[in-house]
Amino acid sequence: MIRFSVCIEMIFREMPFLDRIDAVAEAGFNSFEFWGWRAKDVEGILKKKESCGLTVSVFGVDYAGRIVDPSARHAFISGVEDSISIAHKLDCSRLIVTTGAEVKDVPRDLQHRSIVESLRDAAKLAEKAGVTLLLEPLNVLINHKGYYLYSSQEGLEIIREVNSPNVRLLFDIYHQQTTEGNLVNTITNNINLIGHFHVADVPGRHEPGTGEINYCNILSRINDLEYDGYIGLEFIPLKDSKDALRKVKEIASRALS
């Protein structure tokens, strides 16, 4: 059964941050997610989460540096340890990992290796703590110029090389449509390595139904594959946040009918 998670970094931005959690519950959703945690009121998030009866599906590992650089590994591992502690506090079992920007004048195979080795070290902590690390490719054509990991194919190669059940791919449908397309085949062939989805439409990164992606077909396929994780709603509402979320529910209803 499809389960949605509302990204409160991008939806309900017209409200103070903690009030967005109330808005998620009022809109009829059971889960929310956010990005980094260090600059946020974690205790406030916890209180709101509990008072609204919601779950935190995922948030980002906060660390200094970039894991394409071996010299940053200690800072990354320290960030994973700190983030796991926050995950336990919030009863959250998934953490997003980003690679950072590509290092100029360093061969990509060396940066690839640094990512694999960093995640192997972090996987030991994740396995012991019962959390899953989610490696996220991002598009470099529009939103994240200079970011190292843009291809889901390389991301999946990394996941296979790390070879841990606690390291999976975050498949962002918006980013991967922008970068490479072939969405349904990639998802179908690799669903066992995907631990979280993000959705937004192309172009504009607005809610599903505003662009070129057939989200009814994609959600139907994800459901048929018996995916049991969350699908994060990480888009910029074209108009009203509540209306955008209502449209997502309508698409999901058609997809599952």
Protein backbone atom coordinates (compact mmCIF):
# COMPACT_ATOMS: atom_id res chain seq x y z
CA MET A 1 0.00 0.00 0.00
CA ILE A 2 1.35 3.40 -0.96
CA ARG A 3 2.35 5.59 1.99
CA PHE A 4 3.04 9.28 1.48
CA SER A 5 5.33 11.51 3.50
CA VAL A 6 5.06 15.31 3.26
CA CYS A 7 8.33 17.22 2.96
CA ILE A 8 7.82 20.25 5.19
CA GLU A 9 10.86 21.99 3.74
CA MET A 10 8.95 22.59 0.49
CA ILE A 11 5.26 22.29 1.38
CA PHE A 12 3.43 24.70 3.72
CA ARG A 13 6.40 27.08 3.47
CA GLU A 14 4.03 29.96 4.10
CA MET A 15 3.87 28.81 7.74
CA PRO A 16 6.41 28.76 10.58
CA PHE A 17 8.35 25.48 10.45
CA LEU A 18 6.78 23.68 13.41
CA ASP A 19 3.26 24.73 12.40
CA ARG A 20 3.75 22.82 9.17
CA ILE A 21 3.59 19.58 11.14
CA ASP A 22 0.08 20.49 12.31
CA ALA A 23 -0.83 21.28 8.71
CA VAL A 24 0.35 17.85 7.55
CA ALA A 25 -1.99 16.19 10.05
CA GLU A 26 -4.88 18.49 9.13
CA ALA A 27 -4.38 17.57 5.46
CA GLY A 28 -4.88 13.90 6.36
CA PHE A 29 -1.33 12.61 6.09
CA ASN A 30 0.38 10.40 8.66
CA SER A 31 4.04 11.17 8.04
CA PHE A 32 6.41 14.04 7.30
CA GLU A 33 10.08 14.53 6.47
CA PHE A 34 12.66 17.29 6.43
CA TRP A 35 16.28 17.92 5.43
CA GLY A 36 19.07 18.74 7.89
CA TRP A 37 18.45 18.79 11.65
CA ARG A 38 21.30 20.75 13.28
CA ALA A 39 19.75 24.17 12.80
CA LYS A 40 16.26 22.99 13.79
CA ASP A 41 14.36 22.73 17.05
CA VAL A 42 14.52 18.95 17.41
CA GLU A 43 12.66 18.97 20.73
CA GLY A 44 9.94 21.08 19.13
CA ILE A 45 9.68 18.64 16.22
CA LEU A 46 9.41 15.75 18.67
CA LYS A 47 6.61 17.42 20.65
CA LYS A 48 4.67 18.31 17.50
CA LYS A 49 5.15 14.84 16.07
CA GLU A 50 3.80 13.23 19.21
CA SER A 51 0.90 15.64 19.70
CA CYS A 52 -0.21 15.16 16.08
CA GLY A 53 0.30 11.40 16.13
CA LEU A 54 2.61 11.50 13.10
CA THR A 55 5.76 9.64 12.12
CA VAL A 56 9.01 11.09 10.76
CA SER A 57 9.79 9.05 7.65
CA VAL A 58 13.25 10.41 6.91
CA PHE A 59 15.62 13.33 7.39
CA GLY A 60 19.16 14.15 6.33
CA VAL A 61 22.50 13.20 7.82
CA ASP A 62 24.11 16.49 8.86
CA TYR A 63 27.87 16.51 8.40
CA ALA A 64 30.70 18.73 7.21
CA GLY A 65 32.49 18.07 3.95
CA ARG A 66 31.72 15.70 1.09
CA ILE A 67 32.15 11.95 0.93
CA VAL A 68 33.78 12.09 -2.50
CA ASP A 69 36.81 13.28 -0.54
CA PRO A 70 38.50 10.62 1.65
CA SER A 71 39.83 13.32 3.99
CA ALA A 72 36.23 14.14 4.97
CA ARG A 73 35.40 10.59 6.07
CA HIS A 74 35.93 11.19 9.77
CA ALA A 75 33.56 14.17 9.70
CA PHE A 76 31.01 12.12 7.78
CA ILE A 77 31.12 9.20 10.22
CA SER A 78 30.81 11.63 13.12
CA GLY A 79 27.79 13.18 11.39
CA VAL A 80 26.22 9.76 10.91
CA GLU A 81 26.68 8.97 14.60
CA ASP A 82 25.08 12.27 15.64
CA SER A 83 22.23 11.84 13.15
CA ILE A 84 21.51 8.29 14.33
CA SER A 85 21.10 9.66 17.84
CA ILE A 86 18.52 12.17 16.58
CA ALA A 87 16.82 9.44 14.52
CA HIS A 88 16.35 7.35 17.65
CA LYS A 89 14.93 10.37 19.48
CA LEU A 90 12.41 10.93 16.68
CA ASP A 91 11.74 7.20 16.16
CA CYS A 92 12.89 7.50 12.55
CA SER A 93 14.64 4.61 10.79
CA ARG A 94 15.89 6.25 7.58
CA LEU A 95 18.53 8.92 6.94
CA ILE A 96 19.38 10.68 3.67
CA VAL A 97 23.02 10.85 2.55
CA THR A 98 24.30 13.20 -0.15
CA THR A 99 27.73 12.97 -1.77
CA GLY A 100 28.59 16.64 -2.01
CA ALA A 101 30.08 18.40 -5.01
CA GLU A 102 32.44 16.74 -7.43
CA VAL A 103 36.12 17.42 -6.72
CA LYS A 104 37.74 19.08 -9.71
CA ASP A 105 40.86 17.48 -11.18
CA VAL A 106 40.27 14.20 -9.29
CA PRO A 107 39.26 11.18 -11.44
CA ARG A 108 35.66 10.13 -10.92
CA ASP A 109 36.64 6.54 -10.18
CA LEU A 110 38.59 7.72 -7.13
CA GLN A 111 35.63 9.78 -5.92
CA HIS A 112 33.34 6.81 -6.54
CA ARG A 113 35.63 4.65 -4.42
CA SER A 114 35.63 7.21 -1.62
CA ILE A 115 31.82 7.15 -1.54
CA VAL A 116 31.77 3.35 -1.38
CA GLU A 117 34.35 3.20 1.40
CA SER A 118 32.62 5.95 3.39
CA LEU A 119 29.28 4.17 3.15
CA ARG A 120 30.83 0.82 4.10
CA ASP A 121 32.14 2.41 7.29
CA ALA A 122 28.81 4.12 7.95
CA ALA A 123 26.89 0.91 7.22
CA LYS A 124 28.44 -0.72 10.28
CA LEU A 125 26.92 2.00 12.45
CA ALA A 126 23.59 1.83 10.61
CA GLU A 127 23.33 -1.93 10.95
CA LYS A 128 24.04 -1.78 14.68
CA ALA A 129 21.55 1.06 15.17
CA GLY A 130 18.78 -0.41 13.00
CA VAL A 131 18.61 2.51 10.57
CA THR A 132 18.92 2.65 6.79
CA LEU A 133 21.10 5.16 4.97
CA LEU A 134 19.63 6.47 1.71
CA LEU A 135 22.05 7.67 -0.97
CA GLU A 136 20.45 10.34 -3.17
CA PRO A 137 21.37 11.20 -6.78
CA LEU A 138 20.41 14.76 -7.79
CA ASN A 139 20.13 16.38 -11.20
CA VAL A 140 22.98 18.69 -12.25
CA LEU A 141 21.20 20.17 -15.25
CA ILE A 142 18.89 22.51 -13.33
CA ASN A 143 19.04 22.34 -9.54
CA HIS A 144 22.39 21.03 -8.30
CA LYS A 145 25.16 21.98 -10.70
CA GLY A 146 28.48 20.48 -9.66
CA TYR A 147 26.97 17.72 -7.48
CA TYR A 148 28.83 14.44 -7.90
CA LEU A 149 26.10 11.78 -8.06
CA TYR A 150 23.54 12.53 -10.77
CA SER A 151 22.90 9.07 -12.21
CA SER A 152 20.68 6.46 -10.59
CA GLN A 153 22.77 3.85 -12.38
CA GLU A 154 25.96 4.89 -10.62
CA GLY A 155 24.01 5.21 -7.38
CA LEU A 156 22.82 1.62 -7.74
CA GLU A 157 26.36 0.48 -8.53
CA ILE A 158 27.49 2.09 -5.27
CA ILE A 159 24.70 0.38 -3.33
CA ARG A 160 25.71 -3.00 -4.74
CA GLU A 161 29.38 -2.41 -3.96
CA VAL A 162 28.64 -1.36 -0.38
CA ASN A 163 26.60 -4.56 -0.08
CA SER A 164 24.70 -3.75 3.12
CA PRO A 165 20.96 -4.19 3.71
CA ASN A 166 21.12 -0.89 5.59
CA VAL A 167 22.28 1.19 2.61
CA ARG A 168 19.73 1.85 -0.11
CA LEU A 169 19.00 4.36 -2.88
CA LEU A 170 16.71 7.34 -2.55
CA PHE A 171 15.10 7.44 -6.00
CA ASP A 172 13.90 10.99 -6.71
CA ILE A 173 11.59 10.69 -9.69
CA TYR A 174 11.88 14.40 -10.54
CA HIS A 175 15.68 14.34 -10.54
CA GLN A 176 15.89 11.11 -12.53
CA GLN A 177 13.37 12.20 -15.14
CA THR A 178 15.45 15.35 -15.59
CA THR A 179 18.68 13.36 -15.82
CA GLU A 180 17.93 10.11 -17.60
CA GLY A 181 14.25 9.15 -17.93
CA ASN A 182 13.43 5.43 -18.27
CA LEU A 183 11.67 5.67 -14.92
CA VAL A 184 9.41 2.62 -14.87
CA ASN A 185 12.07 0.19 -16.10
CA THR A 186 14.68 1.47 -13.65
CA ILE A 187 12.26 1.33 -10.72
CA THR A 188 10.99 -2.12 -11.68
CA ASN A 189 14.45 -3.62 -12.13
CA ASN A 190 15.85 -2.17 -8.91
CA ILE A 191 12.98 -1.94 -6.45
CA ASN A 192 14.83 -4.15 -3.96
CA LEU A 193 17.61 -1.53 -3.75
CA ILE A 194 15.31 1.49 -3.36
CA GLY A 195 14.55 2.60 0.19
CA HIS A 196 12.63 5.84 -0.42
CA PHE A 197 11.09 7.83 -3.25
CA HIS A 198 10.68 11.55 -3.81
CA VAL A 199 8.14 12.94 -6.25
CA ALA A 200 7.70 16.19 -8.14
CA ASP A 201 6.78 16.87 -11.75
CA VAL A 202 8.88 18.07 -14.69
CA PRO A 203 9.30 20.90 -15.53
CA GLY A 204 9.13 23.22 -12.54
CA ARG A 205 9.35 20.70 -9.69
CA HIS A 206 5.67 21.24 -8.90
CA GLU A 207 3.10 18.71 -7.71
CA PRO A 208 2.32 15.57 -9.75
CA GLY A 209 -0.15 16.25 -12.53
CA THR A 210 1.35 19.61 -13.54
CA GLY A 211 3.97 18.33 -15.98
CA GLU A 212 5.11 15.50 -18.22
CA ILE A 213 5.45 12.57 -15.80
CA ASN A 214 2.63 10.00 -15.78
CA TYR A 215 2.40 9.67 -12.01
CA CYS A 216 -0.76 7.59 -12.14
CA ASN A 217 1.15 4.93 -14.08
CA ILE A 218 4.26 5.19 -11.89
CA LEU A 219 2.39 4.97 -8.58
CA SER A 220 0.42 2.01 -9.88
CA ARG A 221 3.65 0.25 -10.82
CA ILE A 222 5.29 0.98 -7.45
CA ASN A 223 2.23 -0.42 -5.71
CA ASP A 224 2.26 -3.56 -7.90
CA LEU A 225 5.90 -4.12 -6.90
CA GLU A 226 4.77 -4.29 -3.24
CA TYR A 227 7.14 -1.51 -2.22
CA ASP A 228 6.69 -1.02 1.53
CA GLY A 229 8.56 2.26 2.10
CA TYR A 230 7.45 5.87 1.91
CA ILE A 231 6.96 8.13 -1.08
CA GLY A 232 8.07 11.61 -0.11
CA LEU A 233 6.14 14.57 -1.50
CA GLU A 234 9.03 16.93 -2.13
CA PHE A 235 7.65 19.51 -4.54
CA ILE A 236 6.96 23.23 -4.80
CA PRO A 237 3.17 23.69 -4.76
CA LEU A 238 2.08 25.63 -7.80
CA LYS A 239 -0.56 27.44 -5.79
CA ASP A 240 -2.08 26.33 -2.50
CA SER A 241 -0.32 23.59 -0.48
CA LYS A 242 -3.56 21.93 0.64
CA ASP A 243 -4.90 21.90 -2.90
CA ALA A 244 -1.64 20.42 -4.22
CA LEU A 245 -1.76 17.62 -1.64
CA ARG A 246 -5.40 16.97 -2.44
CA LYS A 247 -4.47 16.51 -6.11
CA VAL A 248 -1.80 13.98 -5.15
CA LYS A 249 -4.42 11.97 -3.28
CA GLU A 250 -6.66 12.04 -6.35
CA ILE A 251 -3.85 10.72 -8.57
CA ALA A 252 -3.06 7.99 -6.04
CA SER A 253 -6.73 7.00 -5.89
CA ARG A 254 -6.82 6.59 -9.67
CA ALA A 255 -3.53 4.68 -9.62
CA LEU A 256 -4.84 2.16 -7.11
CA SER A 257 -8.31 1.73 -8.57
